[in-house]
């Protein structure tokens, strides 16, 4: 009859401490001897098994490892069988199976009660599916995914922050992360991926606007007295121009008017016409690191007086300042090689004295804010507007202004036409730093003119050019450089 060995399993639920070491048959006895002979140790108490010399084994949930031991197994101690379990296949071979996420330890003893081996077991999530998905989505990246407790840790190096965010999103989706970054079953994701080189983005915004204004005013004012027997009719007809808010020339004199007197009636004709074109061109340029924000303002600020305060005040009210000029703010993010996503805010404003209220001038503003995606060097029209506004008003004496031909003496015409076309174009570039010698400044080569040249010739500066350094490829012959007319 074959000899049958009885294998006993002792279950102990406890909190274990992690330890890494190698298995040796004599280490356990040496440790027991050292602890027994230690000062203050209780006589007759031996520690025959501990995790000081245990070997660390990492398992996935539902995964197993095969252990071969140097001596026959008599007893098996499992700290927490809910985390991992041990199945003894033969006298010297055992299977360790991961059951749930957590940590525990397993000890094997021989027939004499000596420790054969100890194992510190860490059962983690099976992350092979997540690793395969990240590798498939980012084949050129170097990302490691490790389980830590009930969460995972993302490490490694990527080329851009967009790749790091993509790896995090994939892990979050496959692991079930909510919007707050907390996994539904209590775990967490730690994104420790480093970006090898952060791209710098330069954006060039072009704001081009054309405005055309046409104002036409024609009116006849009559002043006089008509007498018929005992009846007297006083005529005083001054026609307004309400479409434009008043006459073009509001001074004491009326240069564009013609007056004539017929007996006791004076007729004044006011004829005015105005046409204007406004061209606005602004090209602000700004550079920022991918993922960071940048802004600047080229203009100024004008004060707005505080409201009048009633009653005594301890501190005088300070005026508020409102900025105006060319402003640009944007936040770029490099999504992939050459693809840029950015949030752009641009504004071009100027003081408009025609909008003055209570002594405070108004500001005419063209503003645009949007988020767009474009390739490096590509341009998109982020805003565009074509606007045309026409106003026409006819004012005159009731009844008489309706007369054919003669009705023109008793009425005035005010016509206003405004046409505006505005386009805002954004062009981002992925840029690199260059040497200072390769950059040009607006004042390169500028030199003030001499006093005789300024007084006698009216020159404001000298035309410059470096002699002896002519470019052989240059075809232009003549003076060049910074010139003021």
Protein backbone atom coordinates (compact mmCIF):
# COMPACT_ATOMS: atom_id res chain seq x y z
CA UNK A 1 0.00 0.00 0.00
CA UNK A 2 1.33 3.43 -0.91
CA UNK A 3 2.08 5.75 1.93
CA UNK A 4 -0.35 8.59 2.27
CA UNK A 5 0.72 11.93 3.75
CA UNK A 6 -1.71 14.10 5.62
CA UNK A 7 -1.43 17.81 4.69
CA UNK A 8 -2.95 20.15 7.22
CA UNK A 9 -3.96 23.72 6.38
CA UNK A 10 -4.03 26.35 9.07
CA UNK A 11 -6.06 29.49 8.34
CA UNK A 12 -5.16 32.75 10.02
CA UNK A 13 -6.74 36.14 9.19
CA UNK A 14 -4.33 38.92 9.99
CA UNK A 15 -2.78 42.09 8.66
CA UNK A 16 0.61 41.30 7.13
CA UNK A 17 3.70 43.37 6.45
CA UNK A 18 5.39 43.31 3.03
CA UNK A 19 8.90 41.86 2.83
CA UNK A 20 11.20 40.73 0.04
CA UNK A 21 13.85 38.05 0.46
CA UNK A 22 15.17 34.75 -0.77
CA UNK A 23 14.14 31.29 0.45
CA UNK A 24 16.80 29.30 2.29
CA UNK A 25 16.25 26.12 4.37
CA UNK A 26 18.61 27.26 7.11
CA UNK A 27 17.49 30.92 7.34
CA UNK A 28 14.40 30.16 9.40
CA UNK A 29 16.37 28.20 12.02
CA UNK A 30 19.07 30.89 12.16
CA UNK A 31 16.42 33.54 12.68
CA UNK A 32 14.74 31.48 15.40
CA UNK A 33 18.09 31.08 17.18
CA UNK A 34 18.85 34.79 16.94
CA UNK A 35 15.45 35.80 18.27
CA UNK A 36 15.64 33.25 21.10
CA UNK A 37 19.05 34.48 22.22
CA UNK A 38 18.08 38.16 21.96
CA UNK A 39 18.21 40.13 25.23
CA UNK A 40 14.83 40.22 26.90
CA UNK A 41 13.37 37.43 24.78
CA UNK A 42 11.00 35.10 26.56
CA UNK A 43 12.59 31.74 27.36
CA UNK A 44 11.11 28.80 25.48
CA UNK A 45 9.35 30.84 22.74
CA UNK A 46 10.58 30.34 19.20
CA UNK A 47 9.50 32.18 16.03
CA UNK A 48 9.48 29.45 13.40
CA UNK A 49 7.83 31.45 10.58
CA UNK A 50 7.82 35.14 9.62
CA UNK A 51 7.82 37.31 6.53
CA UNK A 52 11.30 38.71 7.12
CA UNK A 53 12.77 36.27 4.62
CA UNK A 54 9.67 35.80 2.47
CA UNK A 55 9.80 35.99 -1.28
CA UNK A 56 7.50 38.52 -2.95
CA UNK A 57 5.08 37.19 -5.55
CA UNK A 58 2.70 39.39 -7.58
CA UNK A 59 -0.43 37.75 -8.95
CA UNK A 60 -3.42 38.84 -10.93
CA UNK A 61 -6.94 38.01 -9.90
CA UNK A 62 -7.62 34.48 -11.11
CA UNK A 63 -3.93 33.85 -11.91
CA UNK A 64 -1.67 31.21 -10.34
CA UNK A 65 1.98 30.22 -9.88
CA UNK A 66 3.59 26.81 -9.31
CA UNK A 67 5.99 26.46 -6.36
CA UNK A 68 8.56 23.64 -5.95
CA UNK A 69 9.97 23.25 -2.42
CA UNK A 70 13.21 21.50 -1.31
CA UNK A 71 11.58 19.31 1.36
CA UNK A 72 8.30 17.51 1.88
CA UNK A 73 5.38 19.68 2.90
CA UNK A 74 3.62 18.90 6.16
CA UNK A 75 1.65 22.08 7.04
CA UNK A 76 0.49 25.20 5.08
CA UNK A 77 -0.38 28.51 6.73
CA UNK A 78 -2.51 31.02 4.75
CA UNK A 79 -3.08 34.37 6.43
CA UNK A 80 -6.17 35.35 4.41
CA UNK A 81 -7.66 32.68 2.14
CA UNK A 82 -10.02 35.29 0.65
CA UNK A 83 -7.04 36.97 -1.00
CA UNK A 84 -5.05 33.90 -2.11
CA UNK A 85 -5.21 30.15 -1.67
CA UNK A 86 -2.65 27.29 -1.84
CA UNK A 87 -3.31 23.89 -3.34
CA UNK A 88 -0.73 21.16 -2.59
CA UNK A 89 -0.32 18.98 -5.66
CA UNK A 90 2.42 16.68 -4.33
CA UNK A 91 4.79 16.46 -1.38
CA UNK A 92 7.05 19.18 -2.79
CA UNK A 93 4.85 21.06 -5.28
CA UNK A 94 2.08 23.59 -4.53
CA UNK A 95 -0.15 25.95 -6.54
CA UNK A 96 -0.79 29.49 -5.29
CA UNK A 97 -3.96 31.06 -6.76
CA UNK A 98 -5.01 34.74 -6.54
CA UNK A 99 -8.63 35.16 -5.48
CA UNK A 100 -9.20 38.87 -4.78
CA UNK A 101 -7.30 42.16 -4.78
CA UNK A 102 -5.26 42.49 -1.63
CA UNK A 103 -2.17 41.24 0.22
CA UNK A 104 -1.50 38.15 2.30
CA UNK A 105 1.29 35.65 3.07
CA UNK A 106 1.67 31.86 2.87
CA UNK A 107 4.12 29.64 4.81
CA UNK A 108 5.06 26.00 4.22
CA UNK A 109 6.39 23.77 7.06
CA UNK A 110 7.96 20.29 7.11
CA UNK A 111 7.18 17.38 9.39
CA UNK A 112 9.47 18.73 12.11
CA UNK A 113 7.70 22.14 12.14
CA UNK A 114 10.54 24.01 10.43
CA UNK A 115 9.71 26.64 7.84
CA UNK A 116 10.42 25.47 4.31
CA UNK A 117 9.47 28.68 2.59
CA UNK A 118 7.44 31.87 3.01
CA UNK A 119 5.74 33.94 0.34
CA UNK A 120 4.45 37.51 0.48
CA UNK A 121 1.52 37.50 -1.95
CA UNK A 122 0.17 40.68 -3.57
CA UNK A 123 -2.92 40.04 -5.66
CA UNK A 124 -3.49 42.89 -8.11
CA UNK A 125 -5.78 43.70 -10.98
CA UNK A 126 -5.17 41.98 -14.26
CA UNK A 127 -3.95 44.90 -16.38
CA UNK A 128 -2.94 43.01 -19.51
CA UNK A 129 -6.04 44.22 -21.36
CA UNK A 130 -5.35 47.85 -20.45
CA UNK A 131 -1.68 47.48 -21.40
CA UNK A 132 -2.64 46.05 -24.80
CA UNK A 133 -5.16 48.84 -25.44
CA UNK A 134 -2.65 51.59 -24.55
CA UNK A 135 0.03 49.94 -26.68
CA UNK A 136 -2.34 49.71 -29.62
CA UNK A 137 -3.44 53.34 -29.31
CA UNK A 138 0.09 54.69 -28.66
CA UNK A 139 2.52 52.29 -30.34
CA UNK A 140 5.51 54.67 -30.15
CA UNK A 141 5.10 55.62 -26.50
CA UNK A 142 6.87 54.09 -23.50
CA UNK A 143 4.17 53.69 -20.85
CA UNK A 144 4.19 51.27 -17.93
CA UNK A 145 0.98 50.34 -16.15
CA UNK A 146 1.26 48.84 -12.68
CA UNK A 147 -1.32 47.98 -10.06
CA UNK A 148 -0.99 49.54 -6.61
CA UNK A 149 -3.57 48.27 -4.18
CA UNK A 150 -6.98 48.80 -5.71
CA UNK A 151 -5.69 51.41 -8.14
CA UNK A 152 -3.22 51.63 -10.99
CA UNK A 153 -0.12 53.74 -11.61
CA UNK A 154 0.80 55.10 -15.04
CA UNK A 155 4.50 55.82 -15.56
CA UNK A 156 6.86 56.30 -18.49
CA UNK A 157 7.70 58.94 -21.08
CA UNK A 158 5.62 60.31 -23.93
CA UNK A 159 6.22 62.92 -26.60
CA UNK A 160 3.32 65.25 -25.74
CA UNK A 161 0.77 65.93 -23.06
CA UNK A 162 -1.97 64.78 -25.43
CA UNK A 163 -0.52 61.24 -25.41
CA UNK A 164 -0.39 61.25 -21.61
CA UNK A 165 -4.01 62.34 -21.47
CA UNK A 166 -5.01 59.67 -23.99
CA UNK A 167 -3.35 56.93 -21.91
CA UNK A 168 -5.16 58.19 -18.83
CA UNK A 169 -8.50 58.25 -20.65
CA UNK A 170 -8.05 54.68 -21.91
CA UNK A 171 -7.21 53.41 -18.43
CA UNK A 172 -10.13 55.35 -16.96
CA UNK A 173 -12.60 53.93 -19.46
CA UNK A 174 -11.46 50.34 -19.08
CA UNK A 175 -11.26 50.59 -15.30
CA UNK A 176 -14.56 52.44 -14.87
CA UNK A 177 -13.50 55.89 -13.67
CA UNK A 178 -16.14 58.53 -13.02
CA UNK A 179 -15.88 62.24 -13.78
CA UNK A 180 -14.22 62.97 -10.45
CA UNK A 181 -11.34 60.56 -11.19
CA UNK A 182 -12.57 57.95 -8.66
CA UNK A 183 -13.07 54.40 -9.80
CA UNK A 184 -16.55 53.10 -9.17
CA UNK A 185 -15.24 50.21 -7.03
CA UNK A 186 -13.10 52.50 -4.84
CA UNK A 187 -9.77 52.49 -6.68
CA UNK A 188 -7.89 55.38 -8.23
CA UNK A 189 -5.68 56.13 -11.22
CA UNK A 190 -2.40 57.99 -10.70
CA UNK A 191 -1.02 59.59 -13.85
CA UNK A 192 2.76 59.93 -13.35
CA UNK A 193 3.64 60.02 -17.06
CA UNK A 194 6.32 62.57 -17.93
CA UNK A 195 6.45 64.52 -21.19
CA UNK A 196 9.83 64.36 -22.89
CA UNK A 197 9.57 67.72 -24.62
CA UNK A 198 6.80 70.30 -24.34
CA UNK A 199 5.95 71.94 -27.63
CA UNK A 200 5.77 75.70 -27.97
CA UNK A 201 2.97 77.19 -30.03
CA UNK A 202 3.02 80.58 -31.72
CA UNK A 203 -0.29 81.98 -32.89
CA UNK A 204 -0.69 84.83 -35.32
CA UNK A 205 -4.09 86.51 -35.37
CA UNK A 206 -5.02 88.89 -38.17
CA UNK A 207 -7.88 91.32 -37.63
CA UNK A 208 -8.81 93.12 -40.85
CA UNK A 209 -11.75 95.50 -41.06
CA UNK A 210 -13.04 97.94 -43.66
CA UNK A 211 -15.68 100.56 -42.84
CA UNK A 212 -17.32 102.88 -45.33
CA UNK A 213 -19.60 105.70 -44.17
CA UNK A 214 -21.72 107.93 -46.41
CA UNK A 215 -23.82 110.82 -45.06
CA UNK A 216 -25.99 113.06 -47.24
CA UNK A 217 -28.00 116.01 -45.92
CA UNK A 218 -30.18 118.44 -47.88
CA UNK A 219 -32.67 120.83 -46.35
CA UNK A 220 -34.29 124.24 -46.93
CA UNK A 221 -35.28 126.54 -44.05
CA UNK A 222 -37.82 129.33 -44.64
CA UNK A 223 -38.17 132.42 -42.45
CA UNK A 224 -40.56 135.28 -43.21
CA UNK A 225 -43.94 136.97 -42.73
CA UNK A 226 -46.96 136.86 -44.98
CA UNK A 227 -49.65 139.59 -44.58
CA UNK A 228 -53.12 139.39 -46.10
CA UNK A 229 -55.35 142.23 -44.81
CA UNK A 230 -55.66 141.98 -41.09
CA UNK A 231 -54.17 138.43 -41.07
CA UNK A 232 -50.44 137.86 -40.57
CA UNK A 233 -48.61 134.50 -41.03
CA UNK A 234 -45.17 134.10 -39.50
CA UNK A 235 -43.11 131.32 -41.16
CA UNK A 236 -40.16 129.83 -39.29
CA UNK A 237 -39.28 126.41 -40.68
CA UNK A 238 -35.98 124.85 -39.46
CA UNK A 239 -35.77 121.22 -40.53
CA UNK A 240 -33.66 118.82 -38.36
CA UNK A 241 -31.41 115.95 -39.45
CA UNK A 242 -32.38 113.16 -37.03
CA UNK A 243 -30.84 110.21 -38.91
CA UNK A 244 -27.30 111.38 -38.15
CA UNK A 245 -28.16 112.98 -34.83
CA UNK A 246 -27.78 116.52 -36.11
CA UNK A 247 -26.17 118.65 -38.77
CA UNK A 248 -22.68 117.67 -39.89
CA UNK A 249 -21.32 121.09 -38.94
CA UNK A 250 -22.80 122.11 -35.61
CA UNK A 251 -20.74 125.29 -35.22
CA UNK A 252 -22.01 128.83 -35.12
CA UNK A 253 -21.44 129.22 -38.84
CA UNK A 254 -23.04 127.22 -41.62
CA UNK A 255 -20.45 127.10 -44.39
CA UNK A 256 -22.39 124.74 -46.63
CA UNK A 257 -25.52 126.88 -46.84
CA UNK A 258 -26.96 129.34 -49.28
CA UNK A 259 -29.41 132.09 -48.33
CA UNK A 260 -31.67 134.22 -50.48
CA UNK A 261 -34.43 136.79 -49.75
CA UNK A 262 -37.60 137.15 -51.76
CA UNK A 263 -39.46 140.23 -50.48
CA UNK A 264 -39.86 139.43 -46.77
CA UNK A 265 -39.12 135.67 -46.97
CA UNK A 266 -35.60 134.31 -46.37
CA UNK A 267 -34.71 130.84 -47.67
CA UNK A 268 -31.60 129.02 -46.42
CA UNK A 269 -30.51 125.84 -48.15
CA UNK A 270 -28.24 123.45 -46.19
CA UNK A 271 -26.51 120.88 -48.38
CA UNK A 272 -23.82 118.65 -46.90
CA UNK A 273 -22.28 115.34 -47.87
CA UNK A 274 -19.62 113.24 -46.15
CA UNK A 275 -17.90 110.01 -47.18
CA UNK A 276 -15.25 108.21 -45.16
CA UNK A 277 -13.30 104.96 -45.19
CA UNK A 278 -11.75 103.35 -42.12
CA UNK A 279 -9.14 100.60 -42.50
CA UNK A 280 -8.21 98.58 -39.41
CA UNK A 281 -5.42 96.00 -39.47
CA UNK A 282 -4.01 94.32 -36.37
CA UNK A 283 -1.71 91.29 -36.36
CA UNK A 284 -0.90 90.28 -32.78
CA UNK A 285 1.48 87.33 -32.32
CA UNK A 286 1.95 85.34 -29.12
CA UNK A 287 3.88 82.20 -28.11
CA UNK A 288 3.07 79.79 -25.26
CA UNK A 289 3.96 76.27 -24.11
CA UNK A 290 1.47 73.55 -24.95
CA UNK A 291 -1.14 73.40 -22.20
CA UNK A 292 -0.32 76.84 -20.77
CA UNK A 293 -2.11 80.17 -21.25
CA UNK A 294 -0.65 83.42 -22.53
CA UNK A 295 -2.07 86.90 -23.08
CA UNK A 296 -0.95 90.42 -23.87
CA UNK A 297 -2.41 93.88 -24.46
CA UNK A 298 -0.98 96.51 -26.81
CA UNK A 299 -2.88 99.67 -26.05
CA UNK A 300 -3.70 101.50 -22.86
CA UNK A 301 -6.31 102.28 -20.25
CA UNK A 302 -8.52 105.32 -19.81
CA UNK A 303 -10.10 106.35 -16.51
CA UNK A 304 -13.80 106.23 -15.79
CA UNK A 305 -14.76 108.70 -13.04
CA UNK A 306 -16.60 107.21 -10.07
CA UNK A 307 -20.26 108.04 -9.48
CA UNK A 308 -21.07 111.07 -7.40
CA UNK A 309 -21.41 110.09 -3.75
CA UNK A 310 -23.95 111.74 -1.52
CA UNK A 311 -22.94 112.47 2.07
CA UNK A 312 -19.57 112.43 3.79
CA UNK A 313 -17.14 109.69 2.80
CA UNK A 314 -14.11 108.51 4.70
CA UNK A 315 -12.09 107.63 1.61
CA UNK A 316 -12.44 109.30 -1.79
CA UNK A 317 -13.64 107.03 -4.57
CA UNK A 318 -10.97 106.06 -7.06
CA UNK A 319 -11.61 106.07 -10.79
CA UNK A 320 -11.77 102.79 -12.64
CA UNK A 321 -9.63 102.12 -15.67
CA UNK A 322 -10.90 100.36 -18.78
CA UNK A 323 -8.36 98.84 -21.19
CA UNK A 324 -8.42 99.38 -24.93
CA UNK A 325 -6.20 98.41 -27.81
CA UNK A 326 -5.20 95.05 -29.30
CA UNK A 327 -5.60 92.15 -26.85
CA UNK A 328 -4.90 88.47 -27.41
CA UNK A 329 -5.16 85.45 -25.09
CA UNK A 330 -4.99 81.78 -26.01
CA UNK A 331 -4.37 78.32 -24.54
CA UNK A 332 -2.89 75.79 -26.99
CA UNK A 333 -2.70 72.00 -26.66
CA UNK A 334 -0.77 69.82 -29.10
CA UNK A 335 -3.01 66.84 -29.82
CA UNK A 336 -0.68 64.95 -32.12
CA UNK A 337 2.15 65.66 -34.49
CA UNK A 338 1.20 68.91 -36.16
CA UNK A 339 -2.37 69.07 -34.80
CA UNK A 340 -3.15 71.91 -32.41
CA UNK A 341 -6.28 72.58 -30.36
CA UNK A 342 -6.53 76.04 -28.86
CA UNK A 343 -8.92 78.39 -27.14
CA UNK A 344 -8.46 81.88 -28.59
CA UNK A 345 -9.71 85.23 -27.30
CA UNK A 346 -8.94 88.31 -29.36
CA UNK A 347 -10.16 91.88 -29.11
CA UNK A 348 -9.50 95.12 -30.97
CA UNK A 349 -10.98 98.21 -29.35
CA UNK A 350 -10.63 101.97 -29.75
CA UNK A 351 -12.01 105.04 -28.07
CA UNK A 352 -15.01 106.44 -29.91
CA UNK A 353 -15.82 110.05 -28.92
CA UNK A 354 -19.18 109.83 -30.69
CA UNK A 355 -20.38 107.44 -27.96
CA UNK A 356 -19.59 109.81 -25.09
CA UNK A 357 -22.03 109.66 -22.15
CA UNK A 358 -21.70 112.10 -19.24
CA UNK A 359 -18.18 112.96 -20.27
CA UNK A 360 -17.06 109.33 -20.44
CA UNK A 361 -16.06 108.22 -23.93
CA UNK A 362 -17.30 104.94 -25.31
CA UNK A 363 -15.23 102.14 -26.75
CA UNK A 364 -15.83 100.55 -30.12
CA UNK A 365 -14.87 96.87 -29.82
CA UNK A 366 -14.46 93.90 -32.14
CA UNK A 367 -14.17 90.75 -30.04
CA UNK A 368 -14.07 87.02 -30.80
CA UNK A 369 -13.66 83.94 -28.60
CA UNK A 370 -13.69 80.34 -29.81
CA UNK A 371 -12.03 76.93 -29.56
CA UNK A 372 -10.71 75.42 -32.76
CA UNK A 373 -8.41 72.68 -34.04
CA UNK A 374 -6.04 73.24 -36.93
CA UNK A 375 -2.76 71.89 -38.28
CA UNK A 376 0.49 73.74 -37.69
CA UNK A 377 0.78 76.49 -40.30
CA UNK A 378 -2.89 76.26 -41.29
CA UNK A 379 -5.28 79.20 -41.05
CA UNK A 380 -8.92 79.40 -40.11
CA UNK A 381 -11.28 82.36 -40.20
CA UNK A 382 -12.45 82.29 -36.60
CA UNK A 383 -14.84 85.22 -37.10
CA UNK A 384 -16.29 87.15 -40.00
CA UNK A 385 -19.00 89.75 -40.42
CA UNK A 386 -20.51 91.76 -43.26
CA UNK A 387 -22.87 94.45 -42.05
CA UNK A 388 -24.69 97.23 -43.89
CA UNK A 389 -26.94 99.78 -42.24
CA UNK A 390 -28.94 102.47 -44.03
CA UNK A 391 -31.02 105.22 -42.43
CA UNK A 392 -33.02 107.87 -44.26
CA UNK A 393 -35.28 110.52 -42.75
CA UNK A 394 -37.38 113.19 -44.47
CA UNK A 395 -38.58 116.07 -42.27
CA UNK A 396 -40.70 119.06 -43.32
CA UNK A 397 -43.80 121.20 -43.05
CA UNK A 398 -46.96 119.07 -42.95
CA UNK A 399 -48.97 119.23 -46.14
CA UNK A 400 -46.65 121.59 -47.96
CA UNK A 401 -43.82 119.04 -48.10
CA UNK A 402 -46.11 116.79 -50.15
CA UNK A 403 -46.46 119.31 -52.97
CA UNK A 404 -44.73 118.30 -56.21
CA UNK A 405 -41.57 120.30 -56.99
CA UNK A 406 -42.43 123.13 -54.57
CA UNK A 407 -42.56 120.64 -51.69
CA UNK A 408 -38.74 120.53 -51.73
CA UNK A 409 -38.76 124.06 -50.24
CA UNK A 410 -40.52 122.82 -47.11
CA UNK A 411 -38.60 119.61 -46.27
CA UNK A 412 -35.11 118.21 -45.54
CA UNK A 413 -33.51 114.83 -46.31
CA UNK A 414 -31.01 113.07 -44.06
CA UNK A 415 -29.36 109.87 -45.40
CA UNK A 416 -26.80 107.67 -43.62
CA UNK A 417 -25.22 104.48 -44.98
CA UNK A 418 -22.67 102.40 -43.01
CA UNK A 419 -20.94 99.34 -44.48
CA UNK A 420 -18.59 97.13 -42.45
CA UNK A 421 -16.68 94.00 -43.33
CA UNK A 422 -14.64 92.25 -40.62
CA UNK A 423 -12.51 89.10 -40.77
CA UNK A 424 -10.43 87.52 -37.97
CA UNK A 425 -7.96 84.83 -39.06
CA UNK A 426 -5.92 82.62 -36.68
CA UNK A 427 -2.77 80.76 -37.73
CA UNK A 428 -0.87 78.60 -35.18
CA UNK A 429 2.67 77.27 -35.59
CA UNK A 430 4.74 74.72 -33.66
CA UNK A 431 7.96 76.67 -33.11
CA UNK A 432 11.43 76.09 -31.72
CA UNK A 433 13.86 78.53 -30.13
CA UNK A 434 16.50 80.06 -32.42
CA UNK A 435 19.69 82.03 -31.94
CA UNK A 436 19.34 85.73 -31.26
CA UNK A 437 21.39 86.60 -34.34
CA UNK A 438 18.65 85.06 -36.50
CA UNK A 439 16.02 87.43 -35.15
CA UNK A 440 15.37 90.99 -36.37
CA UNK A 441 14.21 94.01 -34.39
CA UNK A 442 12.18 96.96 -35.71
CA UNK A 443 15.01 99.36 -34.85
CA UNK A 444 17.83 97.43 -36.50
CA UNK A 445 20.04 99.93 -38.31
CA UNK A 446 18.11 102.98 -37.14
CA UNK A 447 20.17 106.16 -36.73
CA UNK A 448 19.05 109.72 -36.10
CA UNK A 449 19.73 112.25 -38.82
CA UNK A 450 22.31 114.94 -38.25
CA UNK A 451 21.24 118.45 -37.30
CA UNK A 452 22.02 119.97 -40.74
CA UNK A 453 20.07 117.20 -42.46
CA UNK A 454 17.13 117.70 -40.13
CA UNK A 455 17.08 121.52 -40.36
CA UNK A 456 17.92 121.96 -44.04
CA UNK A 457 16.50 118.79 -45.61
CA UNK A 458 13.81 117.82 -43.09
CA UNK A 459 15.15 114.27 -42.61
CA UNK A 460 14.13 112.44 -39.49
CA UNK A 461 16.61 109.60 -39.82
CA UNK A 462 19.47 108.40 -41.98
CA UNK A 463 18.94 105.65 -44.53
CA UNK A 464 21.14 102.77 -43.44
CA UNK A 465 22.91 99.87 -45.02
CA UNK A 466 26.02 97.97 -44.06
CA UNK A 467 28.70 98.57 -46.71
CA UNK A 468 30.73 95.61 -47.92
CA UNK A 469 28.11 93.02 -46.89
CA UNK A 470 26.00 93.00 -50.00
CA UNK A 471 23.97 89.88 -50.59
CA UNK A 472 24.97 88.36 -53.96
CA UNK A 473 21.40 87.09 -54.41
CA UNK A 474 19.88 90.55 -53.97
CA UNK A 475 18.53 92.00 -57.20
CA UNK A 476 17.31 95.32 -55.78
CA UNK A 477 19.63 98.27 -56.41
CA UNK A 478 19.24 101.32 -54.20
CA UNK A 479 18.81 102.42 -50.63
CA UNK A 480 16.92 100.16 -48.26
CA UNK A 481 16.17 99.88 -44.54
CA UNK A 482 14.19 101.75 -41.90
CA UNK A 483 12.73 104.81 -43.68
CA UNK A 484 10.29 107.39 -42.36
CA UNK A 485 8.38 109.56 -44.82
